[in-house]
PDB file of N, CA and C in Angstrom:
ATOM      1  N   MET A   1      -3.203  -8.354-149.562  1.00  0.00           N
ATOM      2  CA  MET A   1      -2.456  -9.168-148.631  1.00  0.00           C
ATOM      3  C   MET A   1      -2.489  -8.508-147.266  1.00  0.00           C
ATOM      4  N   ASN A   2      -2.217  -9.246-146.270  1.00  0.00           N
ATOM      5  CA  ASN A   2      -2.203  -8.732-144.902  1.00  0.00           C
ATOM      6  C   ASN A   2      -1.208  -7.580-144.793  1.00  0.00           C
ATOM      7  N   ILE A   3      -1.526  -6.618-143.983  1.00  0.00           N
ATOM      8  CA  ILE A   3      -0.644  -5.461-143.820  1.00  0.00           C
ATOM      9  C   ILE A   3       0.722  -5.848-143.255  1.00  0.00           C
ATOM     10  N   TYR A   4       0.831  -7.025-142.675  1.00  0.00           N
ATOM     11  CA  TYR A   4       2.091  -7.462-142.089  1.00  0.00           C
ATOM     12  C   TYR A   4       3.004  -8.136-143.098  1.00  0.00           C
ATOM     13  N   MET A   5       2.473  -8.449-144.292  1.00  0.00           N
ATOM     14  CA  MET A   5       3.246  -9.214-145.246  1.00  0.00           C
ATOM     15  C   MET A   5       3.430  -8.436-146.547  1.00  0.00           C
ATOM     16  N   ASP A   6       4.647  -8.369-146.996  1.00  0.00           N
ATOM     17  CA  ASP A   6       4.968  -7.717-148.266  1.00  0.00           C
ATOM     18  C   ASP A   6       4.742  -8.730-149.379  1.00  0.00           C
ATOM     19  N   THR A   7       3.758  -8.469-150.240  1.00  0.00           N
ATOM     20  CA  THR A   7       3.388  -9.429-151.278  1.00  0.00           C
ATOM     21  C   THR A   7       4.448  -9.586-152.357  1.00  0.00           C
ATOM     22  N   ARG A   8       5.418  -8.667-152.383  1.00  0.00           N
ATOM     23  CA  ARG A   8       6.505  -8.784-153.357  1.00  0.00           C
ATOM     24  C   ARG A   8       7.558  -9.791-152.914  1.00  0.00           C
ATOM     25  N   LYS A   9       7.515 -10.173-151.652  1.00  0.00           N
ATOM     26  CA  LYS A   9       8.493 -11.121-151.122  1.00  0.00           C
ATOM     27  C   LYS A   9       8.327 -12.472-151.797  1.00  0.00           C
ATOM     28  N   ILE A  10       9.449 -13.166-151.924  1.00  0.00           N
ATOM     29  CA  ILE A  10       9.469 -14.479-152.559  1.00  0.00           C
ATOM     30  C   ILE A  10       9.851 -15.513-151.503  1.00  0.00           C
ATOM     31  N   PRO A  11       8.933 -16.442-151.205  1.00  0.00           N
ATOM     32  CA  PRO A  11       9.274 -17.484-150.238  1.00  0.00           C
ATOM     33  C   PRO A  11      10.172 -18.542-150.867  1.00  0.00           C
ATOM     34  N   LYS A  12      11.105 -19.009-150.080  1.00  0.00           N
ATOM     35  CA  LYS A  12      12.024 -20.062-150.519  1.00  0.00           C
ATOM     36  C   LYS A  12      12.027 -21.162-149.470  1.00  0.00           C
ATOM     37  N   LYS A  13      11.923 -22.411-149.925  1.00  0.00           N
ATOM     38  CA  LYS A  13      11.897 -23.554-149.018  1.00  0.00           C
ATOM     39  C   LYS A  13      13.284 -23.811-148.430  1.00  0.00           C
ATOM     40  N   ASN A  14      13.295 -24.227-147.189  1.00  0.00           N
ATOM     41  CA  ASN A  14      14.516 -24.644-146.517  1.00  0.00           C
ATOM     42  C   ASN A  14      14.909 -26.014-147.080  1.00  0.00           C
ATOM     43  N   PRO A  15      16.109 -26.163-147.624  1.00  0.00           N
ATOM     44  CA  PRO A  15      16.511 -27.451-148.194  1.00  0.00           C
ATOM     45  C   PRO A  15      16.664 -28.562-147.153  1.00  0.00           C
ATOM     46  N   GLU A  16      16.669 -28.200-145.879  1.00  0.00           N
ATOM     47  CA  GLU A  16      16.772 -29.205-144.824  1.00  0.00           C
ATOM     48  C   GLU A  16      15.409 -29.716-144.371  1.00  0.00           C
ATOM     49  N   ILE A  17      14.363 -29.337-145.099  1.00  0.00           N
ATOM     50  CA  ILE A  17      13.002 -29.792-144.815  1.00  0.00           C
ATOM     51  C   ILE A  17      12.543 -30.641-145.998  1.00  0.00           C
ATOM     52  N   VAL A  18      12.022 -31.824-145.712  1.00  0.00           N
ATOM     53  CA  VAL A  18      11.508 -32.677-146.783  1.00  0.00           C
ATOM     54  C   VAL A  18       9.990 -32.765-146.684  1.00  0.00           C
ATOM     55  N   THR A  19       9.369 -32.994-147.821  1.00  0.00           N
ATOM     56  CA  THR A  19       7.926 -33.154-147.908  1.00  0.00           C
ATOM     57  C   THR A  19       7.632 -34.617-148.219  1.00  0.00           C
ATOM     58  N   ARG A  20       6.656 -35.170-147.531  1.00  0.00           N
ATOM     59  CA  ARG A  20       6.236 -36.549-147.780  1.00  0.00           C
ATOM     60  C   ARG A  20       4.725 -36.606-147.840  1.00  0.00           C
ATOM     61  N   ASP A  21       4.238 -37.486-148.696  1.00  0.00           N
ATOM     62  CA  ASP A  21       2.814 -37.786-148.758  1.00  0.00           C
ATOM     63  C   ASP A  21       2.627 -39.093-148.010  1.00  0.00           C
ATOM     64  N   ILE A  22       1.968 -39.013-146.874  1.00  0.00           N
ATOM     65  CA  ILE A  22       1.759 -40.193-146.030  1.00  0.00           C
ATOM     66  C   ILE A  22       0.267 -40.451-145.953  1.00  0.00           C
ATOM     67  N   GLY A  23      -0.174 -41.475-146.645  1.00  0.00           N
ATOM     68  CA  GLY A  23      -1.592 -41.820-146.638  1.00  0.00           C
ATOM     69  C   GLY A  23      -2.482 -40.709-147.162  1.00  0.00           C
ATOM     70  N   GLY A  24      -2.008 -39.975-148.164  1.00  0.00           N
ATOM     71  CA  GLY A  24      -2.792 -38.889-148.726  1.00  0.00           C
ATOM     72  C   GLY A  24      -2.675 -37.583-147.977  1.00  0.00           C
ATOM     73  N   GLU A  25      -1.882 -37.549-146.935  1.00  0.00           N
ATOM     74  CA  GLU A  25      -1.678 -36.329-146.160  1.00  0.00           C
ATOM     75  C   GLU A  25      -0.255 -35.830-146.399  1.00  0.00           C
ATOM     76  N   VAL A  26      -0.113 -34.554-146.744  1.00  0.00           N
ATOM     77  CA  VAL A  26       1.200 -33.963-146.990  1.00  0.00           C
ATOM     78  C   VAL A  26       1.776 -33.469-145.670  1.00  0.00           C
ATOM     79  N   VAL A  27       3.009 -33.909-145.381  1.00  0.00           N
ATOM     80  CA  VAL A  27       3.668 -33.507-144.139  1.00  0.00           C
ATOM     81  C   VAL A  27       5.081 -33.011-144.440  1.00  0.00           C
ATOM     82  N   LEU A  28       5.565 -32.122-143.583  1.00  0.00           N
ATOM     83  CA  LEU A  28       6.944 -31.641-143.628  1.00  0.00           C
ATOM     84  C   LEU A  28       7.701 -32.272-142.483  1.00  0.00           C
ATOM     85  N   MET A  29       8.944 -32.640-142.765  1.00  0.00           N
ATOM     86  CA  MET A  29       9.797 -33.206-141.724  1.00  0.00           C
ATOM     87  C   MET A  29      11.198 -32.640-141.880  1.00  0.00           C
ATOM     88  N   PRO A  30      11.832 -32.263-140.787  1.00  0.00           N
ATOM     89  CA  PRO A  30      13.213 -31.776-140.889  1.00  0.00           C
ATOM     90  C   PRO A  30      14.163 -32.942-141.130  1.00  0.00           C
ATOM     91  N   LEU A  31      15.236 -32.678-141.860  1.00  0.00           N
ATOM     92  CA  LEU A  31      16.259 -33.694-142.088  1.00  0.00           C
ATOM     93  C   LEU A  31      17.223 -33.799-140.914  1.00  0.00           C
ATOM     94  N   TYR A  32      17.372 -32.708-140.179  1.00  0.00           N
ATOM     95  CA  TYR A  32      18.319 -32.691-139.082  1.00  0.00           C
ATOM     96  C   TYR A  32      17.715 -33.331-137.831  1.00  0.00           C
ATOM     97  N   LYS A  33      18.584 -33.853-137.002  1.00  0.00           N
ATOM     98  CA  LYS A  33      18.153 -34.573-135.796  1.00  0.00           C
ATOM     99  C   LYS A  33      18.222 -33.722-134.535  1.00  0.00           C
ATOM    100  N   SER A  34      18.938 -32.624-134.571  1.00  0.00           N
ATOM    101  CA  SER A  34      19.145 -31.802-133.392  1.00  0.00           C
ATOM    102  C   SER A  34      17.847 -31.110-132.973  1.00  0.00           C
ATOM    103  N   SER A  35      17.448 -31.284-131.731  1.00  0.00           N
ATOM    104  CA  SER A  35      16.195 -30.689-131.256  1.00  0.00           C
ATOM    105  C   SER A  35      16.287 -29.171-131.138  1.00  0.00           C
ATOM    106  N   ASP A  36      17.506 -28.626-131.106  1.00  0.00           N
ATOM    107  CA  ASP A  36      17.610 -27.165-131.033  1.00  0.00           C
ATOM    108  C   ASP A  36      17.273 -26.516-132.383  1.00  0.00           C
ATOM    109  N   LYS A  37      17.337 -27.271-133.467  1.00  0.00           N
ATOM    110  CA  LYS A  37      16.956 -26.752-134.779  1.00  0.00           C
ATOM    111  C   LYS A  37      15.487 -27.003-135.085  1.00  0.00           C
ATOM    112  N   GLY A  38      14.930 -27.992-134.487  1.00  0.00           N
ATOM    113  CA  GLY A  38      13.527 -28.300-134.737  1.00  0.00           C
ATOM    114  C   GLY A  38      13.265 -29.781-134.632  1.00  0.00           C
ATOM    115  N   ASN A  39      12.216 -30.113-133.957  1.00  0.00           N
ATOM    116  CA  ASN A  39      11.834 -31.502-133.776  1.00  0.00           C
ATOM    117  C   ASN A  39      10.329 -31.559-133.971  1.00  0.00           C
ATOM    118  N   TYR A  40       9.884 -31.731-135.199  1.00  0.00           N
ATOM    119  CA  TYR A  40       8.465 -31.642-135.488  1.00  0.00           C
ATOM    120  C   TYR A  40       8.120 -32.390-136.768  1.00  0.00           C
ATOM    121  N   ILE A  41       6.871 -32.649-136.943  1.00  0.00           N
ATOM    122  CA  ILE A  41       6.282 -33.041-138.215  1.00  0.00           C
ATOM    123  C   ILE A  41       5.115 -32.094-138.399  1.00  0.00           C
ATOM    124  N   TYR A  42       5.071 -31.418-139.532  1.00  0.00           N
ATOM    125  CA  TYR A  42       4.075 -30.387-139.808  1.00  0.00           C
ATOM    126  C   TYR A  42       3.135 -30.919-140.872  1.00  0.00           C
ATOM    127  N   SER A  43       1.855 -30.982-140.559  1.00  0.00           N
ATOM    128  CA  SER A  43       0.857 -31.545-141.463  1.00  0.00           C
ATOM    129  C   SER A  43       0.065 -30.440-142.158  1.00  0.00           C
ATOM    130  N   PHE A  44      -0.204 -30.631-143.461  1.00  0.00           N
ATOM    131  CA  PHE A  44      -0.940 -29.656-144.250  1.00  0.00           C
ATOM    132  C   PHE A  44      -2.351 -30.110-144.568  1.00  0.00           C
ATOM    133  N   ASN A  45      -3.282 -29.158-144.617  1.00  0.00           N
ATOM    134  CA  ASN A  45      -4.580 -29.447-145.219  1.00  0.00           C
ATOM    135  C   ASN A  45      -4.407 -29.269-146.734  1.00  0.00           C
ATOM    136  N   LYS A  46      -5.466 -29.488-147.488  1.00  0.00           N
ATOM    137  CA  LYS A  46      -5.381 -29.448-148.957  1.00  0.00           C
ATOM    138  C   LYS A  46      -4.906 -28.084-149.470  1.00  0.00           C
ATOM    139  N   ALA A  47      -5.451 -27.007-148.917  1.00  0.00           N
ATOM    140  CA  ALA A  47      -5.083 -25.666-149.371  1.00  0.00           C
ATOM    141  C   ALA A  47      -3.635 -25.338-149.021  1.00  0.00           C
ATOM    142  N   ALA A  48      -3.210 -25.685-147.823  1.00  0.00           N
ATOM    143  CA  ALA A  48      -1.827 -25.421-147.411  1.00  0.00           C
ATOM    144  C   ALA A  48      -0.854 -26.235-148.255  1.00  0.00           C
ATOM    145  N   ALA A  49      -1.221 -27.482-148.582  1.00  0.00           N
ATOM    146  CA  ALA A  49      -0.375 -28.316-149.436  1.00  0.00           C
ATOM    147  C   ALA A  49      -0.251 -27.693-150.822  1.00  0.00           C
ATOM    148  N   ALA A  50      -1.353 -27.154-151.346  1.00  0.00           N
ATOM    149  CA  ALA A  50      -1.311 -26.493-152.656  1.00  0.00           C
ATOM    150  C   ALA A  50      -0.386 -25.289-152.606  1.00  0.00           C
ATOM    151  N   CYS A  51      -0.451 -24.531-151.540  1.00  0.00           N
ATOM    152  CA  CYS A  51       0.426 -23.367-151.372  1.00  0.00           C
ATOM    153  C   CYS A  51       1.886 -23.819-151.298  1.00  0.00           C
ATOM    154  N   TRP A  52       2.161 -24.809-150.489  1.00  0.00           N
ATOM    155  CA  TRP A  52       3.526 -25.326-150.337  1.00  0.00           C
ATOM    156  C   TRP A  52       4.093 -25.742-151.697  1.00  0.00           C
ATOM    157  N   ASN A  53       3.270 -26.397-152.500  1.00  0.00           N
ATOM    158  CA  ASN A  53       3.726 -26.854-153.810  1.00  0.00           C
ATOM    159  C   ASN A  53       4.005 -25.700-154.772  1.00  0.00           C
ATOM    160  N   LEU A  54       3.424 -24.531-154.515  1.00  0.00           N
ATOM    161  CA  LEU A  54       3.667 -23.358-155.363  1.00  0.00           C
ATOM    162  C   LEU A  54       4.917 -22.584-154.958  1.00  0.00           C
ATOM    163  N   ILE A  55       5.451 -22.873-153.788  1.00  0.00           N
ATOM    164  CA  ILE A  55       6.660 -22.194-153.329  1.00  0.00           C
ATOM    165  C   ILE A  55       7.850 -22.802-154.053  1.00  0.00           C
ATOM    166  N   ASP A  56       8.417 -22.008-154.966  1.00  0.00           N
ATOM    167  CA  ASP A  56       9.514 -22.509-155.789  1.00  0.00           C
ATOM    168  C   ASP A  56      10.758 -21.625-155.725  1.00  0.00           C
ATOM    169  N   GLY A  57      10.733 -20.607-154.881  1.00  0.00           N
ATOM    170  CA  GLY A  57      11.872 -19.700-154.790  1.00  0.00           C
ATOM    171  C   GLY A  57      11.885 -18.651-155.886  1.00  0.00           C
ATOM    172  N   LYS A  58      10.859 -18.652-156.765  1.00  0.00           N
ATOM    173  CA  LYS A  58      10.776 -17.686-157.863  1.00  0.00           C
ATOM    174  C   LYS A  58       9.491 -16.871-157.806  1.00  0.00           C
ATOM    175  N   ALA A  59       8.388 -17.504-157.396  1.00  0.00           N
ATOM    176  CA  ALA A  59       7.079 -16.843-157.369  1.00  0.00           C
ATOM    177  C   ALA A  59       6.930 -15.997-156.107  1.00  0.00           C
ATOM    178  N   SER A  60       6.414 -14.786-156.286  1.00  0.00           N
ATOM    179  CA  SER A  60       6.157 -13.914-155.141  1.00  0.00           C
ATOM    180  C   SER A  60       4.903 -14.390-154.406  1.00  0.00           C
ATOM    181  N   LEU A  61       4.711 -13.866-153.209  1.00  0.00           N
ATOM    182  CA  LEU A  61       3.506 -14.210-152.446  1.00  0.00           C
ATOM    183  C   LEU A  61       2.252 -13.786-153.206  1.00  0.00           C
ATOM    184  N   ASP A  62       2.316 -12.670-153.903  1.00  0.00           N
ATOM    185  CA  ASP A  62       1.173 -12.220-154.686  1.00  0.00           C
ATOM    186  C   ASP A  62       0.877 -13.190-155.832  1.00  0.00           C
ATOM    187  N   GLN A  63       1.898 -13.677-156.498  1.00  0.00           N
ATOM    188  CA  GLN A  63       1.706 -14.649-157.577  1.00  0.00           C
ATOM    189  C   GLN A  63       1.124 -15.956-157.037  1.00  0.00           C
ATOM    190  N   ILE A  64       1.613 -16.384-155.886  1.00  0.00           N
ATOM    191  CA  ILE A  64       1.093 -17.600-155.255  1.00  0.00           C
ATOM    192  C   ILE A  64      -0.371 -17.401-154.884  1.00  0.00           C
ATOM    193  N   LYS A  65      -0.681 -16.258-154.303  1.00  0.00           N
ATOM    194  CA  LYS A  65      -2.069 -15.939-153.936  1.00  0.00           C
ATOM    195  C   LYS A  65      -2.975 -15.999-155.159  1.00  0.00           C
ATOM    196  N   ASN A  66      -2.543 -15.404-156.267  1.00  0.00           N
ATOM    197  CA  ASN A  66      -3.365 -15.390-157.472  1.00  0.00           C
ATOM    198  C   ASN A  66      -3.608 -16.795-158.013  1.00  0.00           C
ATOM    199  N   LYS A  67      -2.607 -17.648-157.956  1.00  0.00           N
ATOM    200  CA  LYS A  67      -2.782 -19.038-158.408  1.00  0.00           C
ATOM    201  C   LYS A  67      -3.749 -19.784-157.490  1.00  0.00           C
ATOM    202  N   LEU A  68      -3.654 -19.528-156.202  1.00  0.00           N
ATOM    203  CA  LEU A  68      -4.554 -20.183-155.249  1.00  0.00           C
ATOM    204  C   LEU A  68      -5.989 -19.684-155.426  1.00  0.00           C
ATOM    205  N   MET A  69      -6.139 -18.396-155.772  1.00  0.00           N
ATOM    206  CA  MET A  69      -7.474 -17.839-156.011  1.00  0.00           C
ATOM    207  C   MET A  69      -8.162 -18.568-157.166  1.00  0.00           C
ATOM    208  N   LYS A  70      -7.399 -18.941-158.179  1.00  0.00           N
ATOM    209  CA  LYS A  70      -7.953 -19.658-159.319  1.00  0.00           C
ATOM    210  C   LYS A  70      -8.321 -21.103-158.956  1.00  0.00           C
ATOM    211  N   LYS A  71      -7.598 -21.669-158.010  1.00  0.00           N
ATOM    212  CA  LYS A  71      -7.791 -23.077-157.648  1.00  0.00           C
ATOM    213  C   LYS A  71      -8.915 -23.289-156.636  1.00  0.00           C
ATOM    214  N   PHE A  72      -9.070 -22.354-155.706  1.00  0.00           N
ATOM    215  CA  PHE A  72     -10.027 -22.527-154.622  1.00  0.00           C
ATOM    216  C   PHE A  72     -11.119 -21.464-154.675  1.00  0.00           C
ATOM    217  N   ASN A  73     -12.309 -21.851-154.335  1.00  0.00           N
ATOM    218  CA  ASN A  73     -13.449 -20.943-154.293  1.00  0.00           C
ATOM    219  C   ASN A  73     -13.505 -20.303-152.907  1.00  0.00           C
ATOM    220  N   VAL A  74     -12.756 -19.224-152.738  1.00  0.00           N
ATOM    221  CA  VAL A  74     -12.655 -18.549-151.450  1.00  0.00           C
ATOM    222  C   VAL A  74     -12.487 -17.055-151.720  1.00  0.00           C
ATOM    223  N   SER A  75     -12.927 -16.245-150.781  1.00  0.00           N
ATOM    224  CA  SER A  75     -12.780 -14.801-150.963  1.00  0.00           C
ATOM    225  C   SER A  75     -11.299 -14.421-150.885  1.00  0.00           C
ATOM    226  N   GLU A  76     -10.958 -13.348-151.568  1.00  0.00           N
ATOM    227  CA  GLU A  76      -9.578 -12.880-151.563  1.00  0.00           C
ATOM    228  C   GLU A  76      -9.137 -12.520-150.154  1.00  0.00           C
ATOM    229  N   GLN A  77     -10.030 -11.885-149.403  1.00  0.00           N
ATOM    230  CA  GLN A  77      -9.694 -11.488-148.029  1.00  0.00           C
ATOM    231  C   GLN A  77      -9.391 -12.709-147.157  1.00  0.00           C
ATOM    232  N   ARG A  78     -10.200 -13.742-147.278  1.00  0.00           N
ATOM    233  CA  ARG A  78      -9.966 -14.950-146.468  1.00  0.00           C
ATOM    234  C   ARG A  78      -8.671 -15.634-146.888  1.00  0.00           C
ATOM    235  N   LEU A  79      -8.441 -15.715-148.197  1.00  0.00           N
ATOM    236  CA  LEU A  79      -7.214 -16.346-148.682  1.00  0.00           C
ATOM    237  C   LEU A  79      -5.991 -15.579-148.203  1.00  0.00           C
ATOM    238  N   GLU A  80      -6.031 -14.262-148.256  1.00  0.00           N
ATOM    239  CA  GLU A  80      -4.909 -13.454-147.783  1.00  0.00           C
ATOM    240  C   GLU A  80      -4.622 -13.718-146.309  1.00  0.00           C
ATOM    241  N   LYS A  81      -5.673 -13.784-145.529  1.00  0.00           N
ATOM    242  CA  LYS A  81      -5.501 -14.033-144.088  1.00  0.00           C
ATOM    243  C   LYS A  81      -4.890 -15.410-143.847  1.00  0.00           C
ATOM    244  N   GLN A  82      -5.402 -16.423-144.532  1.00  0.00           N
ATOM    245  CA  GLN A  82      -4.897 -17.776-144.346  1.00  0.00           C
ATOM    246  C   GLN A  82      -3.461 -17.922-144.859  1.00  0.00           C
ATOM    247  N   LEU A  83      -3.158 -17.270-145.976  1.00  0.00           N
ATOM    248  CA  LEU A  83      -1.797 -17.313-146.514  1.00  0.00           C
ATOM    249  C   LEU A  83      -0.830 -16.627-145.555  1.00  0.00           C
ATOM    250  N   ASP A  84      -1.249 -15.523-144.985  1.00  0.00           N
ATOM    251  CA  ASP A  84      -0.422 -14.812-144.009  1.00  0.00           C
ATOM    252  C   ASP A  84      -0.123 -15.710-142.805  1.00  0.00           C
ATOM    253  N   ILE A  85      -1.144 -16.377-142.303  1.00  0.00           N
ATOM    254  CA  ILE A  85      -0.967 -17.281-141.159  1.00  0.00           C
ATOM    255  C   ILE A  85      -0.023 -18.424-141.518  1.00  0.00           C
ATOM    256  N   LEU A  86      -0.239 -19.029-142.684  1.00  0.00           N
ATOM    257  CA  LEU A  86       0.593 -20.154-143.104  1.00  0.00           C
ATOM    258  C   LEU A  86       2.050 -19.737-143.257  1.00  0.00           C
ATOM    259  N   ILE A  87       2.300 -18.623-143.926  1.00  0.00           N
ATOM    260  CA  ILE A  87       3.682 -18.189-144.132  1.00  0.00           C
ATOM    261  C   ILE A  87       4.349 -17.868-142.793  1.00  0.00           C
ATOM    262  N   LYS A  88       3.632 -17.233-141.896  1.00  0.00           N
ATOM    263  CA  LYS A  88       4.198 -16.964-140.562  1.00  0.00           C
ATOM    264  C   LYS A  88       4.532 -18.267-139.840  1.00  0.00           C
ATOM    265  N   ASP A  89       3.641 -19.259-139.932  1.00  0.00           N
ATOM    266  CA  ASP A  89       3.906 -20.565-139.311  1.00  0.00           C
ATOM    267  C   ASP A  89       5.135 -21.227-139.932  1.00  0.00           C
ATOM    268  N   LEU A  90       5.212 -21.207-141.257  1.00  0.00           N
ATOM    269  CA  LEU A  90       6.348 -21.825-141.944  1.00  0.00           C
ATOM    270  C   LEU A  90       7.655 -21.123-141.608  1.00  0.00           C
ATOM    271  N   LYS A  91       7.605 -19.800-141.468  1.00  0.00           N
ATOM    272  CA  LYS A  91       8.796 -19.064-141.059  1.00  0.00           C
ATOM    273  C   LYS A  91       9.186 -19.425-139.623  1.00  0.00           C
ATOM    274  N   SER A  92       8.196 -19.585-138.755  1.00  0.00           N
ATOM    275  CA  SER A  92       8.492 -19.862-137.342  1.00  0.00           C
ATOM    276  C   SER A  92       9.178 -21.219-137.147  1.00  0.00           C
ATOM    277  N   ILE A  93       8.893 -22.178-138.038  1.00  0.00           N
ATOM    278  CA  ILE A  93       9.550 -23.482-137.932  1.00  0.00           C
ATOM    279  C   ILE A  93      10.746 -23.569-138.882  1.00  0.00           C
ATOM    280  N   LYS A  94      11.082 -22.443-139.490  1.00  0.00           N
ATOM    281  CA  LYS A  94      12.230 -22.324-140.391  1.00  0.00           C
ATOM    282  C   LYS A  94      12.113 -23.219-141.623  1.00  0.00           C
ATOM    283  N   ALA A  95      10.872 -23.416-142.081  1.00  0.00           N
ATOM    284  CA  ALA A  95      10.625 -24.181-143.309  1.00  0.00           C
ATOM    285  C   ALA A  95      10.782 -23.306-144.537  1.00  0.00           C
ATOM    286  N   VAL A  96      10.573 -21.979-144.381  1.00  0.00           N
ATOM    287  CA  VAL A  96      10.754 -21.042-145.485  1.00  0.00           C
ATOM    288  C   VAL A  96      11.443 -19.781-144.992  1.00  0.00           C
ATOM    289  N   THR A  97      12.057 -19.115-145.947  1.00  0.00           N
ATOM    290  CA  THR A  97      12.577 -17.767-145.729  1.00  0.00           C
ATOM    291  C   THR A  97      11.941 -16.894-146.785  1.00  0.00           C
ATOM    292  N   LEU A  98      11.900 -15.595-146.542  1.00  0.00           N
ATOM    293  CA  LEU A  98      11.364 -14.649-147.514  1.00  0.00           C
ATOM    294  C   LEU A  98      12.498 -13.767-148.005  1.00  0.00           C
ATOM    295  N   LYS A  99      12.593 -13.638-149.310  1.00  0.00           N
ATOM    296  CA  LYS A  99      13.653 -12.778-149.867  1.00  0.00           C
ATOM    297  C   LYS A  99      13.049 -11.687-150.712  1.00  0.00           C
TER     298      LYS A  99
END
C-alpha cells in the first residue's frame, strides 16, 4: 500500500451519503442540502464502484485491496496507487472516515 496509507485502517461510509445507479453509472450524492457540508455528485468508474461496494465498515484497506486484486487484472502497485487516490478523494469529500 502507499506509504501514506495504513492498510490496517478500516474505511467506513458516511451515512449522510447515498449511492445511486443512474443509467449504469454509480454516483454518490450527499443527503444534506447545506453547501458548507458539501454540494457535489461524485461519479465512479467500474473499479472505484467495486471498491465502494467493498467498504462495509469491517474490512481493512488491505482486505479490500486483496479482493480487488482478485477481481481486476492489474498490478498490485497500480492498484495500491489508485486505491490510495480514491480513499483520499473520498475522505476529502467526507464520504468515508478511516478508523
